[in-house]
């Protein structure tokens, strides 16, 4: 087995284990916030949609300017968006509970504002990714996102 195939195998196994861990954590610790005020949703949901379009289409196709790395950059942009978005919600909820002394009592609540913050976190990782296109492996990109 070549070095490249070994790296891809390690990346695939790491990604599957990470996603299974995220799935387990979401099942036990995350709850959606009840929406009692439709005005709040009407105000913030269009922002969430616009930011996600910027992340997926804007950054995704911005990275395709490199002739030999265009499709790779587009795929990695979508991968980073999916994984880091999920991780941000978990980690933000965890650290919010630690710093505000409500750790053992409440579940992590997901609302539209949390989703917008997760999108901005993805933007920071995608900006870093723009400087590293073609220089790092998929596994190193995943580690960059998790850190």
N, C-alpha and C. Protein backbone atom coordinates (compact mmCIF):
# COMPACT_ATOMS: atom_id res chain seq x y z
N UNK A 1 0.85 -1.17 0.00
CA UNK A 1 0.00 0.00 0.00
C UNK A 1 0.90 1.24 0.00
N UNK A 2 0.58 2.19 -0.86
CA UNK A 2 1.41 3.38 -0.97
C UNK A 2 1.14 4.33 0.20
N UNK A 3 2.03 5.30 0.34
CA UNK A 3 1.91 6.28 1.41
C UNK A 3 0.61 7.09 1.27
N UNK A 4 0.25 7.43 0.04
CA UNK A 4 -0.96 8.20 -0.21
C UNK A 4 -2.22 7.41 0.20
N UNK A 5 -2.26 6.14 -0.17
CA UNK A 5 -3.41 5.31 0.20
C UNK A 5 -3.51 5.13 1.71
N UNK A 6 -2.37 5.01 2.38
CA UNK A 6 -2.37 4.90 3.84
C UNK A 6 -2.92 6.18 4.47
N UNK A 7 -2.51 7.33 3.95
CA UNK A 7 -3.02 8.61 4.47
C UNK A 7 -4.52 8.73 4.27
N UNK A 8 -5.01 8.32 3.10
CA UNK A 8 -6.45 8.39 2.85
C UNK A 8 -7.23 7.43 3.75
N UNK A 9 -6.67 6.28 4.03
CA UNK A 9 -7.33 5.33 4.92
C UNK A 9 -7.40 5.88 6.34
N UNK A 10 -6.31 6.45 6.81
CA UNK A 10 -6.30 7.05 8.14
C UNK A 10 -7.29 8.21 8.21
N UNK A 11 -7.34 9.03 7.16
CA UNK A 11 -8.29 10.14 7.10
C UNK A 11 -9.72 9.63 7.15
N UNK A 12 -10.03 8.63 6.36
CA UNK A 12 -11.40 8.10 6.32
C UNK A 12 -11.81 7.51 7.66
N UNK A 13 -10.93 6.76 8.29
CA UNK A 13 -11.24 6.18 9.59
C UNK A 13 -11.42 7.28 10.63
N UNK A 14 -10.54 8.27 10.63
CA UNK A 14 -10.64 9.39 11.58
C UNK A 14 -11.96 10.14 11.38
N UNK A 15 -12.33 10.39 10.14
CA UNK A 15 -13.57 11.11 9.86
C UNK A 15 -14.80 10.31 10.31
N UNK A 16 -14.82 9.02 10.06
CA UNK A 16 -15.95 8.18 10.48
C UNK A 16 -16.05 8.13 12.00
N UNK A 17 -14.92 7.97 12.68
CA UNK A 17 -14.93 7.94 14.15
C UNK A 17 -15.40 9.28 14.70
N UNK A 18 -14.91 10.38 14.14
CA UNK A 18 -15.32 11.71 14.59
C UNK A 18 -16.82 11.92 14.39
N UNK A 19 -17.35 11.53 13.24
CA UNK A 19 -18.77 11.70 12.97
C UNK A 19 -19.62 10.81 13.89
N UNK A 20 -19.17 9.61 14.18
CA UNK A 20 -19.91 8.76 15.12
C UNK A 20 -19.91 9.36 16.52
N UNK A 21 -18.79 9.93 16.92
CA UNK A 21 -18.71 10.60 18.22
C UNK A 21 -19.64 11.82 18.26
N UNK A 22 -19.66 12.59 17.19
CA UNK A 22 -20.56 13.74 17.12
C UNK A 22 -22.01 13.29 17.18
N UNK A 23 -22.35 12.24 16.45
CA UNK A 23 -23.71 11.72 16.47
C UNK A 23 -24.12 11.28 17.88
N UNK A 24 -23.24 10.60 18.57
CA UNK A 24 -23.50 10.17 19.94
C UNK A 24 -23.70 11.37 20.86
N UNK A 25 -22.82 12.37 20.75
CA UNK A 25 -22.91 13.56 21.60
C UNK A 25 -24.19 14.35 21.32
N UNK A 26 -24.56 14.47 20.06
CA UNK A 26 -25.81 15.17 19.74
C UNK A 26 -27.01 14.44 20.31
N UNK A 27 -27.00 13.13 20.24
CA UNK A 27 -28.12 12.36 20.74
C UNK A 27 -28.35 12.51 22.23
N UNK A 28 -27.29 12.66 22.98
CA UNK A 28 -27.41 12.73 24.43
C UNK A 28 -27.45 14.15 25.00
N UNK A 29 -26.82 15.11 24.34
CA UNK A 29 -26.63 16.41 24.97
C UNK A 29 -27.29 17.60 24.27
N UNK A 30 -27.73 17.47 23.05
CA UNK A 30 -28.22 18.63 22.29
C UNK A 30 -29.73 18.55 22.13
N UNK A 31 -30.38 19.68 22.38
CA UNK A 31 -31.82 19.83 22.18
C UNK A 31 -32.06 21.12 21.40
N UNK A 32 -33.11 21.13 20.60
CA UNK A 32 -33.44 22.35 19.88
C UNK A 32 -34.20 23.28 20.81
N UNK A 33 -33.95 24.55 20.68
CA UNK A 33 -34.64 25.55 21.51
C UNK A 33 -36.08 25.68 21.02
N UNK A 34 -36.99 25.80 21.95
CA UNK A 34 -38.39 26.00 21.56
C UNK A 34 -38.56 27.43 21.07
N UNK A 35 -39.25 27.57 19.98
CA UNK A 35 -39.45 28.89 19.38
C UNK A 35 -40.78 29.43 19.87
N UNK A 36 -40.71 30.42 20.72
CA UNK A 36 -41.93 31.05 21.22
C UNK A 36 -42.18 32.39 20.55
N UNK A 37 -41.12 32.96 19.99
CA UNK A 37 -41.24 34.27 19.35
C UNK A 37 -40.91 34.13 17.87
N UNK A 38 -41.93 34.21 17.04
CA UNK A 38 -41.71 34.11 15.60
C UNK A 38 -40.92 35.28 15.05
N UNK A 39 -40.99 36.42 15.72
CA UNK A 39 -40.25 37.60 15.29
C UNK A 39 -38.75 37.35 15.33
N UNK A 40 -38.29 36.64 16.36
CA UNK A 40 -36.87 36.31 16.51
C UNK A 40 -36.41 35.45 15.33
N UNK A 41 -37.21 34.46 14.98
CA UNK A 41 -36.87 33.58 13.86
C UNK A 41 -36.89 34.34 12.54
N UNK A 42 -37.89 35.17 12.35
CA UNK A 42 -37.99 35.94 11.11
C UNK A 42 -36.85 36.94 10.96
N UNK A 43 -36.30 37.39 12.07
CA UNK A 43 -35.21 38.36 12.02
C UNK A 43 -33.87 37.70 11.69
N UNK A 44 -33.60 36.55 12.32
CA UNK A 44 -32.26 35.96 12.20
C UNK A 44 -32.14 34.88 11.14
N UNK A 45 -33.21 34.22 10.74
CA UNK A 45 -33.08 33.13 9.78
C UNK A 45 -32.59 33.59 8.41
N UNK A 46 -33.04 34.73 7.89
CA UNK A 46 -32.45 35.19 6.61
C UNK A 46 -30.94 35.45 6.71
N UNK A 47 -30.48 35.91 7.86
CA UNK A 47 -29.03 36.09 8.03
C UNK A 47 -28.32 34.75 7.95
N UNK A 48 -28.90 33.75 8.60
CA UNK A 48 -28.32 32.42 8.57
C UNK A 48 -28.23 31.89 7.14
N UNK A 49 -29.29 32.07 6.38
CA UNK A 49 -29.28 31.62 4.99
C UNK A 49 -28.21 32.34 4.17
N UNK A 50 -28.11 33.64 4.34
CA UNK A 50 -27.13 34.42 3.57
C UNK A 50 -25.70 34.02 3.93
N UNK A 51 -25.44 33.81 5.19
CA UNK A 51 -24.10 33.43 5.62
C UNK A 51 -23.74 32.05 5.10
N UNK A 52 -24.69 31.13 5.10
CA UNK A 52 -24.40 29.80 4.57
C UNK A 52 -24.16 29.81 3.07
N UNK A 53 -24.89 30.65 2.36
CA UNK A 53 -24.62 30.77 0.92
C UNK A 53 -23.21 31.30 0.71
N UNK A 54 -22.80 32.26 1.54
CA UNK A 54 -21.45 32.80 1.44
C UNK A 54 -20.41 31.71 1.72
N UNK A 55 -20.68 30.86 2.71
CA UNK A 55 -19.72 29.81 3.07
C UNK A 55 -19.61 28.77 1.96
N UNK A 56 -20.74 28.27 1.50
CA UNK A 56 -20.72 27.17 0.55
C UNK A 56 -20.40 27.61 -0.87
N UNK A 57 -21.12 28.59 -1.35
CA UNK A 57 -20.92 29.00 -2.74
C UNK A 57 -19.77 30.00 -2.85
N UNK A 58 -19.76 31.00 -1.97
CA UNK A 58 -18.72 32.01 -2.05
C UNK A 58 -17.33 31.46 -1.84
N UNK A 59 -17.09 30.87 -0.67
CA UNK A 59 -15.77 30.31 -0.40
C UNK A 59 -15.49 29.09 -1.26
N UNK A 60 -16.50 28.27 -1.48
CA UNK A 60 -16.29 27.05 -2.27
C UNK A 60 -15.79 27.34 -3.66
N UNK A 61 -16.44 28.25 -4.35
CA UNK A 61 -16.03 28.53 -5.72
C UNK A 61 -14.91 29.55 -5.79
N UNK A 62 -14.67 30.28 -4.72
CA UNK A 62 -13.50 31.16 -4.68
C UNK A 62 -12.22 30.32 -4.69
N UNK A 63 -12.28 29.17 -4.03
CA UNK A 63 -11.10 28.31 -3.93
C UNK A 63 -10.81 27.55 -5.22
N UNK A 64 -11.69 27.60 -6.19
CA UNK A 64 -11.48 26.82 -7.41
C UNK A 64 -10.61 27.52 -8.44
N UNK A 65 -10.03 28.66 -8.08
CA UNK A 65 -9.22 29.39 -9.05
C UNK A 65 -7.90 28.69 -9.36
N UNK A 66 -7.46 27.79 -8.50
CA UNK A 66 -6.23 27.05 -8.76
C UNK A 66 -6.55 25.93 -9.74
N UNK A 67 -5.86 25.90 -10.86
CA UNK A 67 -6.22 24.99 -11.94
C UNK A 67 -6.15 23.52 -11.53
N UNK A 68 -5.13 23.13 -10.80
CA UNK A 68 -4.97 21.72 -10.46
C UNK A 68 -5.67 21.32 -9.17
N UNK A 69 -6.07 22.28 -8.36
CA UNK A 69 -6.67 21.96 -7.06
C UNK A 69 -8.12 22.41 -6.94
N UNK A 70 -8.76 22.76 -8.03
CA UNK A 70 -10.10 23.33 -7.99
C UNK A 70 -11.15 22.40 -7.39
N UNK A 71 -11.24 21.19 -7.91
CA UNK A 71 -12.26 20.26 -7.41
C UNK A 71 -11.94 19.83 -5.98
N UNK A 72 -10.68 19.66 -5.68
CA UNK A 72 -10.29 19.30 -4.32
C UNK A 72 -10.68 20.39 -3.35
N UNK A 73 -10.43 21.63 -3.71
CA UNK A 73 -10.76 22.76 -2.84
C UNK A 73 -12.26 22.85 -2.61
N UNK A 74 -13.04 22.63 -3.64
CA UNK A 74 -14.49 22.68 -3.51
C UNK A 74 -15.00 21.59 -2.58
N UNK A 75 -14.51 20.38 -2.76
CA UNK A 75 -14.91 19.27 -1.89
C UNK A 75 -14.49 19.48 -0.45
N UNK A 76 -13.27 19.95 -0.26
CA UNK A 76 -12.79 20.19 1.11
C UNK A 76 -13.55 21.34 1.77
N UNK A 77 -13.96 22.33 1.00
CA UNK A 77 -14.76 23.42 1.56
C UNK A 77 -16.08 22.88 2.09
N UNK A 78 -16.73 22.02 1.35
CA UNK A 78 -17.98 21.43 1.81
C UNK A 78 -17.74 20.53 3.02
N UNK A 79 -16.66 19.77 3.02
CA UNK A 79 -16.34 18.90 4.14
C UNK A 79 -16.07 19.71 5.41
N UNK A 80 -15.28 20.75 5.29
CA UNK A 80 -14.98 21.60 6.44
C UNK A 80 -16.27 22.22 6.98
N UNK A 81 -17.11 22.70 6.08
CA UNK A 81 -18.36 23.31 6.50
C UNK A 81 -19.20 22.33 7.30
N UNK A 82 -19.32 21.11 6.85
CA UNK A 82 -20.16 20.13 7.53
C UNK A 82 -19.60 19.74 8.89
N UNK A 83 -18.33 19.42 8.95
CA UNK A 83 -17.74 18.90 10.20
C UNK A 83 -17.59 20.01 11.24
N UNK A 84 -17.04 21.14 10.87
CA UNK A 84 -16.78 22.21 11.83
C UNK A 84 -18.08 22.82 12.33
N UNK A 85 -19.08 22.90 11.49
CA UNK A 85 -20.38 23.40 11.90
C UNK A 85 -20.94 22.54 13.04
N UNK A 86 -20.85 21.24 12.89
CA UNK A 86 -21.34 20.32 13.93
C UNK A 86 -20.51 20.43 15.21
N UNK A 87 -19.21 20.48 15.04
CA UNK A 87 -18.33 20.55 16.22
C UNK A 87 -18.49 21.86 16.98
N UNK A 88 -18.69 22.96 16.27
CA UNK A 88 -18.82 24.25 16.94
C UNK A 88 -20.02 24.24 17.89
N UNK A 89 -21.12 23.70 17.45
CA UNK A 89 -22.32 23.68 18.30
C UNK A 89 -22.05 22.91 19.58
N UNK A 90 -21.37 21.78 19.47
CA UNK A 90 -21.04 21.00 20.67
C UNK A 90 -20.07 21.74 21.58
N UNK A 91 -18.98 22.25 21.01
CA UNK A 91 -17.95 22.87 21.82
C UNK A 91 -18.41 24.20 22.41
N UNK A 92 -19.17 24.98 21.66
CA UNK A 92 -19.70 26.23 22.18
C UNK A 92 -20.64 25.96 23.36
N UNK A 93 -21.51 24.99 23.20
CA UNK A 93 -22.42 24.64 24.29
C UNK A 93 -21.70 24.15 25.53
N UNK A 94 -20.66 23.33 25.31
CA UNK A 94 -19.88 22.81 26.44
C UNK A 94 -19.19 23.93 27.20
N UNK A 95 -18.46 24.78 26.49
CA UNK A 95 -17.71 25.85 27.17
C UNK A 95 -18.63 26.91 27.75
N UNK A 96 -19.77 27.12 27.14
CA UNK A 96 -20.75 28.04 27.71
C UNK A 96 -21.23 27.53 29.07
N UNK A 97 -21.44 26.24 29.16
CA UNK A 97 -21.87 25.66 30.44
C UNK A 97 -20.76 25.68 31.48
N UNK A 98 -19.54 25.44 31.07
CA UNK A 98 -18.41 25.45 32.01
C UNK A 98 -18.21 26.85 32.58
N UNK A 99 -18.23 27.87 31.73
CA UNK A 99 -17.95 29.23 32.20
C UNK A 99 -19.11 29.89 32.92
N UNK A 100 -20.32 29.39 32.72
CA UNK A 100 -21.48 30.00 33.38
C UNK A 100 -22.08 29.11 34.47
N UNK A 101 -21.34 28.11 34.91
CA UNK A 101 -21.72 27.23 36.02
C UNK A 101 -23.10 26.61 35.87
N UNK A 102 -23.44 26.18 34.69
CA UNK A 102 -24.69 25.45 34.49
C UNK A 102 -24.43 24.11 33.82
N UNK A 103 -23.27 23.54 34.10
CA UNK A 103 -22.84 22.33 33.41
C UNK A 103 -23.71 21.10 33.67
N UNK A 104 -23.99 20.70 34.91
CA UNK A 104 -24.70 19.43 35.05
C UNK A 104 -26.20 19.51 34.84
N UNK A 105 -26.76 20.70 34.69
CA UNK A 105 -28.22 20.81 34.75
C UNK A 105 -28.92 20.89 33.40
N UNK A 106 -28.33 21.54 32.41
CA UNK A 106 -29.05 21.81 31.18
C UNK A 106 -28.42 21.12 29.98
N UNK A 107 -29.26 20.85 28.99
CA UNK A 107 -28.76 20.37 27.71
C UNK A 107 -28.27 21.55 26.88
N UNK A 108 -27.56 21.25 25.83
CA UNK A 108 -27.11 22.29 24.90
C UNK A 108 -28.29 22.63 23.99
N UNK A 109 -28.67 23.89 23.98
CA UNK A 109 -29.78 24.32 23.14
C UNK A 109 -29.26 24.92 21.84
N UNK A 110 -29.88 24.53 20.76
CA UNK A 110 -29.51 25.05 19.44
C UNK A 110 -30.62 25.97 18.96
N UNK A 111 -30.24 27.21 18.65
CA UNK A 111 -31.18 28.15 18.06
C UNK A 111 -30.53 28.80 16.85
N UNK A 112 -31.21 29.73 16.22
CA UNK A 112 -30.71 30.33 14.99
C UNK A 112 -29.44 31.13 15.23
N UNK A 113 -29.34 31.79 16.36
CA UNK A 113 -28.15 32.59 16.66
C UNK A 113 -26.93 31.68 16.80
N UNK A 114 -27.10 30.52 17.41
CA UNK A 114 -26.00 29.55 17.52
C UNK A 114 -25.56 29.08 16.14
N UNK A 115 -26.51 28.88 15.25
CA UNK A 115 -26.16 28.46 13.89
C UNK A 115 -25.39 29.54 13.15
N UNK A 116 -25.75 30.80 13.37
CA UNK A 116 -25.02 31.91 12.75
C UNK A 116 -23.59 31.96 13.28
N UNK A 117 -23.42 31.79 14.59
CA UNK A 117 -22.07 31.79 15.17
C UNK A 117 -21.25 30.62 14.63
N UNK A 118 -21.89 29.48 14.42
CA UNK A 118 -21.19 28.33 13.85
C UNK A 118 -20.72 28.62 12.43
N UNK A 119 -21.53 29.33 11.68
CA UNK A 119 -21.13 29.70 10.32
C UNK A 119 -19.92 30.64 10.32
N UNK A 120 -19.88 31.57 11.26
CA UNK A 120 -18.71 32.44 11.35
C UNK A 120 -17.45 31.67 11.75
N UNK A 121 -17.62 30.67 12.58
CA UNK A 121 -16.48 29.81 12.93
C UNK A 121 -15.96 29.08 11.69
N UNK A 122 -16.87 28.58 10.88
CA UNK A 122 -16.48 27.92 9.64
C UNK A 122 -15.75 28.89 8.73
N UNK A 123 -16.18 30.15 8.70
CA UNK A 123 -15.52 31.15 7.86
C UNK A 123 -14.07 31.33 8.26
N UNK A 124 -13.78 31.33 9.56
CA UNK A 124 -12.40 31.49 10.01
C UNK A 124 -11.54 30.32 9.54
N UNK A 125 -12.07 29.11 9.60
CA UNK A 125 -11.32 27.94 9.16
C UNK A 125 -11.13 27.98 7.64
N UNK A 126 -12.14 28.41 6.90
CA UNK A 126 -12.02 28.46 5.45
C UNK A 126 -11.01 29.51 4.99
N UNK A 127 -10.91 30.60 5.73
CA UNK A 127 -9.90 31.60 5.40
C UNK A 127 -8.50 31.02 5.60
N UNK A 128 -8.32 30.28 6.68
CA UNK A 128 -7.03 29.61 6.92
C UNK A 128 -6.76 28.57 5.84
N UNK A 129 -7.80 27.86 5.44
CA UNK A 129 -7.67 26.85 4.39
C UNK A 129 -7.22 27.47 3.07
N UNK A 130 -7.68 28.69 2.79
CA UNK A 130 -7.29 29.37 1.56
C UNK A 130 -5.79 29.55 1.44
N UNK A 131 -5.11 29.72 2.56
CA UNK A 131 -3.66 29.89 2.53
C UNK A 131 -2.93 28.55 2.42
N UNK A 132 -3.63 27.46 2.67
CA UNK A 132 -2.97 26.16 2.73
C UNK A 132 -3.37 25.20 1.62
N UNK A 133 -4.15 25.66 0.65
CA UNK A 133 -4.60 24.77 -0.43
C UNK A 133 -3.40 24.14 -1.12
N UNK A 134 -3.45 22.84 -1.28
CA UNK A 134 -2.41 22.11 -1.98
C UNK A 134 -1.18 21.80 -1.16
N UNK A 135 -1.11 22.29 0.07
CA UNK A 135 0.07 22.07 0.89
C UNK A 135 -0.16 21.07 2.03
N UNK A 136 -1.42 20.85 2.38
CA UNK A 136 -1.71 19.96 3.50
C UNK A 136 -2.62 18.83 3.03
N UNK A 137 -2.55 17.73 3.76
CA UNK A 137 -3.37 16.56 3.44
C UNK A 137 -4.77 16.73 4.03
N UNK A 138 -5.71 15.89 3.61
CA UNK A 138 -7.05 15.98 4.19
C UNK A 138 -7.07 15.77 5.71
N UNK A 139 -6.24 14.88 6.21
CA UNK A 139 -6.19 14.65 7.65
C UNK A 139 -5.68 15.89 8.39
N UNK A 140 -4.67 16.53 7.85
CA UNK A 140 -4.17 17.76 8.47
C UNK A 140 -5.20 18.87 8.41
N UNK A 141 -5.99 18.90 7.36
CA UNK A 141 -7.06 19.88 7.26
C UNK A 141 -8.13 19.63 8.32
N UNK A 142 -8.45 18.37 8.55
CA UNK A 142 -9.42 18.02 9.59
C UNK A 142 -8.90 18.40 10.98
N UNK A 143 -7.62 18.16 11.21
CA UNK A 143 -7.01 18.54 12.49
C UNK A 143 -7.02 20.06 12.65
N UNK A 144 -6.73 20.79 11.59
CA UNK A 144 -6.78 22.25 11.62
C UNK A 144 -8.17 22.73 12.03
N UNK A 145 -9.18 22.12 11.47
CA UNK A 145 -10.54 22.51 11.80
C UNK A 145 -10.93 22.19 13.24
N UNK A 146 -10.50 21.06 13.74
CA UNK A 146 -10.86 20.66 15.09
C UNK A 146 -10.15 21.54 16.12
N UNK A 147 -8.92 21.92 15.82
CA UNK A 147 -8.16 22.76 16.75
C UNK A 147 -8.77 24.13 16.76
